[in-house]
Protein backbone atom coordinates (compact mmCIF):
# COMPACT_ATOMS: atom_id res chain seq x y z
CA MET A 1 -3.54 8.53 19.75
CA GLU A 2 -4.80 11.93 18.62
CA ASP A 3 -3.76 11.37 15.00
CA PHE A 4 -5.26 7.89 15.03
CA SER A 5 -8.40 9.29 16.68
CA ASP A 6 -8.97 11.47 13.62
CA PHE A 7 -8.78 8.33 11.47
CA LEU A 8 -11.08 6.35 13.75
CA VAL A 9 -13.90 8.90 13.82
CA ARG A 10 -14.15 8.67 10.02
CA ILE A 11 -15.10 4.97 10.23
CA ASP A 12 -18.89 4.88 10.07
CA ASP A 13 -19.48 1.36 11.36
CA SER A 14 -18.99 1.37 15.14
CA ASN A 15 -18.12 -2.36 15.20
CA HIS A 16 -15.33 -1.80 12.66
CA ARG A 17 -14.11 1.25 14.58
CA GLU A 18 -14.01 -0.71 17.86
CA LYS A 19 -12.16 -3.59 16.22
CA ILE A 20 -9.47 -1.28 14.84
CA GLU A 21 -9.20 0.63 18.11
CA GLU A 22 -8.74 -2.65 19.97
CA MET A 23 -6.00 -3.64 17.51
CA PHE A 24 -4.24 -0.26 17.90
CA ASN A 25 -4.34 -0.65 21.70
CA TRP A 26 -2.89 -4.14 21.43
CA ILE A 27 -0.08 -2.84 19.20
CA ARG A 28 0.64 0.05 21.61
CA GLN A 29 1.00 -2.38 24.51
CA LYS A 30 3.11 -4.90 22.59
CA TYR A 31 5.28 -2.36 20.73
CA PRO A 32 5.53 0.82 22.81
CA GLN A 33 8.68 1.85 20.90
CA LEU A 34 6.76 2.33 17.63
CA ASN A 35 5.68 5.81 16.59
CA GLU A 36 2.18 6.54 15.31
CA VAL A 37 1.97 8.76 12.23
CA ILE A 38 -0.61 9.62 9.62
CA LYS A 39 0.72 9.70 6.06
CA TRP A 40 -1.34 9.67 2.89
CA ASN A 41 -4.45 9.76 5.14
CA GLN A 42 -3.55 6.37 6.65
CA PRO A 43 -2.39 5.45 10.14
CA MET A 44 1.10 4.00 10.07
CA LEU A 45 3.63 2.80 12.57
CA THR A 46 7.30 3.65 12.24
CA ASP A 47 10.48 2.70 14.02
CA HIS A 48 13.49 5.07 13.95
CA GLY A 49 11.86 6.89 11.02
CA THR A 50 11.29 3.81 8.86
CA PHE A 51 7.90 2.39 7.89
CA ILE A 52 6.80 -0.72 9.76
CA ILE A 53 3.09 -1.18 8.92
CA GLY A 54 0.07 0.80 7.72
CA PHE A 55 -3.69 0.39 7.85
CA SER A 56 -6.81 1.44 5.97
CA ALA A 57 -10.47 0.54 6.30
CA SER A 58 -13.12 -0.26 3.73
CA LYS A 59 -16.68 -1.53 4.03
CA LYS A 60 -15.65 -5.19 3.73
CA HIS A 61 -12.23 -5.38 5.35
CA LEU A 62 -9.32 -3.91 7.23
CA ALA A 63 -6.36 -3.55 4.87
CA VAL A 64 -2.95 -4.07 6.44
CA SER A 65 0.09 -2.91 4.49
CA PRO A 66 3.46 -4.18 5.70
CA GLU A 67 5.36 -3.62 2.37
CA SER A 68 5.51 -6.09 -0.50
CA PHE A 69 8.82 -7.59 0.70
CA THR A 70 7.12 -8.62 3.95
CA ILE A 71 4.08 -10.00 2.15
CA MET A 72 6.36 -12.16 0.00
CA HIS A 73 8.24 -13.33 3.10
CA LEU A 74 5.00 -14.27 4.93
CA GLU A 75 3.01 -15.42 1.91
CA ASP A 76 2.60 -19.00 3.21
CA ASP A 77 1.25 -17.66 6.54
CA ILE A 78 -1.18 -15.36 4.70
CA VAL A 79 -2.42 -18.19 2.49
CA THR A 80 -2.74 -20.54 5.49
CA ALA A 81 -4.80 -17.88 7.28
CA GLY A 82 -7.15 -17.84 4.27
CA LEU A 83 -6.71 -14.12 3.65
CA ASP A 84 -6.93 -12.31 0.35
CA TYR A 85 -3.88 -10.22 -0.52
CA THR A 86 -2.18 -8.21 -3.22
CA LYS A 87 1.44 -7.20 -3.71
CA GLU A 88 1.01 -4.34 -1.22
CA LEU A 89 -1.74 -5.29 1.28
CA VAL A 90 -3.51 -8.06 3.14
CA ARG A 91 -7.28 -7.92 3.59
CA PHE A 92 -8.67 -8.90 6.99
CA PRO A 93 -12.47 -9.32 6.59
CA TRP A 94 -14.57 -7.61 9.24
CA LYS A 95 -16.61 -10.78 9.73
CA ASN A 96 -13.52 -12.61 11.08
CA PRO A 97 -11.51 -11.93 14.22
CA ILE A 98 -8.29 -10.02 13.58
CA ASP A 99 -5.38 -12.45 13.22
CA TYR A 100 -3.05 -10.89 15.79
CA THR A 101 -0.49 -13.65 15.30
CA LEU A 102 -0.08 -12.70 11.64
CA ILE A 103 0.05 -8.98 12.41
CA GLU A 104 2.69 -9.72 15.04
CA LYS A 105 4.74 -11.67 12.47
CA MET A 106 4.51 -8.73 10.04
CA ILE A 107 5.58 -6.18 12.64
CA ASP A 108 8.35 -8.36 14.09
CA PHE A 109 9.74 -9.14 10.64
CA ASN A 110 9.79 -5.48 9.64
CA ILE A 111 11.35 -4.33 12.92
CA GLY A 112 14.10 -6.93 12.57
CA SER A 113 14.75 -6.69 8.86
CA LYS A 114 14.69 -2.88 8.88
CA ALA A 115 16.78 -2.40 12.03
CA ASN A 116 19.55 -0.72 10.03
CA CYS A 117 17.31 0.92 7.44
CA SER A 118 17.80 4.67 7.17
CA THR A 119 14.97 5.37 4.71
CA PHE A 120 11.18 5.36 5.13
CA TRP A 121 10.62 2.60 2.56
CA ARG A 122 12.94 -0.30 1.81
CA GLU A 123 15.52 0.43 -0.83
C-alpha cells in the first residue's frame, strides 16, 4: 500500500480519496495474488509481471484502464452500465457508486486471458 498511499495523498477531494481507497481494499481482499505497482504515475495491478488494470483520478471521475482489448470485450457491459469510455479507459463518475461488478469482470477477464502472457502489455 505504500506506493498507492503516495497516489492517494495527491487526491484533494477526501470523498474521492476514500472511494478509491475503499476500492483498492476491496481489490486486495478479492485478488490477493495481484501486485501493486506505480508506473507512469498511476497505480496499476499486475499478475506474473503482466498488466491487469490501472487507475487515475480527475475532478469528475475515476478512470479505469483495463487495456483496449478488454474494453472491446466488455463493451456491452460498459454501455449497459451507462459509463462513458474511450479506446483505453472507462470513466466512473464520482457522483455514482463504483460498479464493482464491472471492475471484477475487467480484472477476471484480464487474469484469464493473460494467464500465459509473458509481456507487460498484450502483444
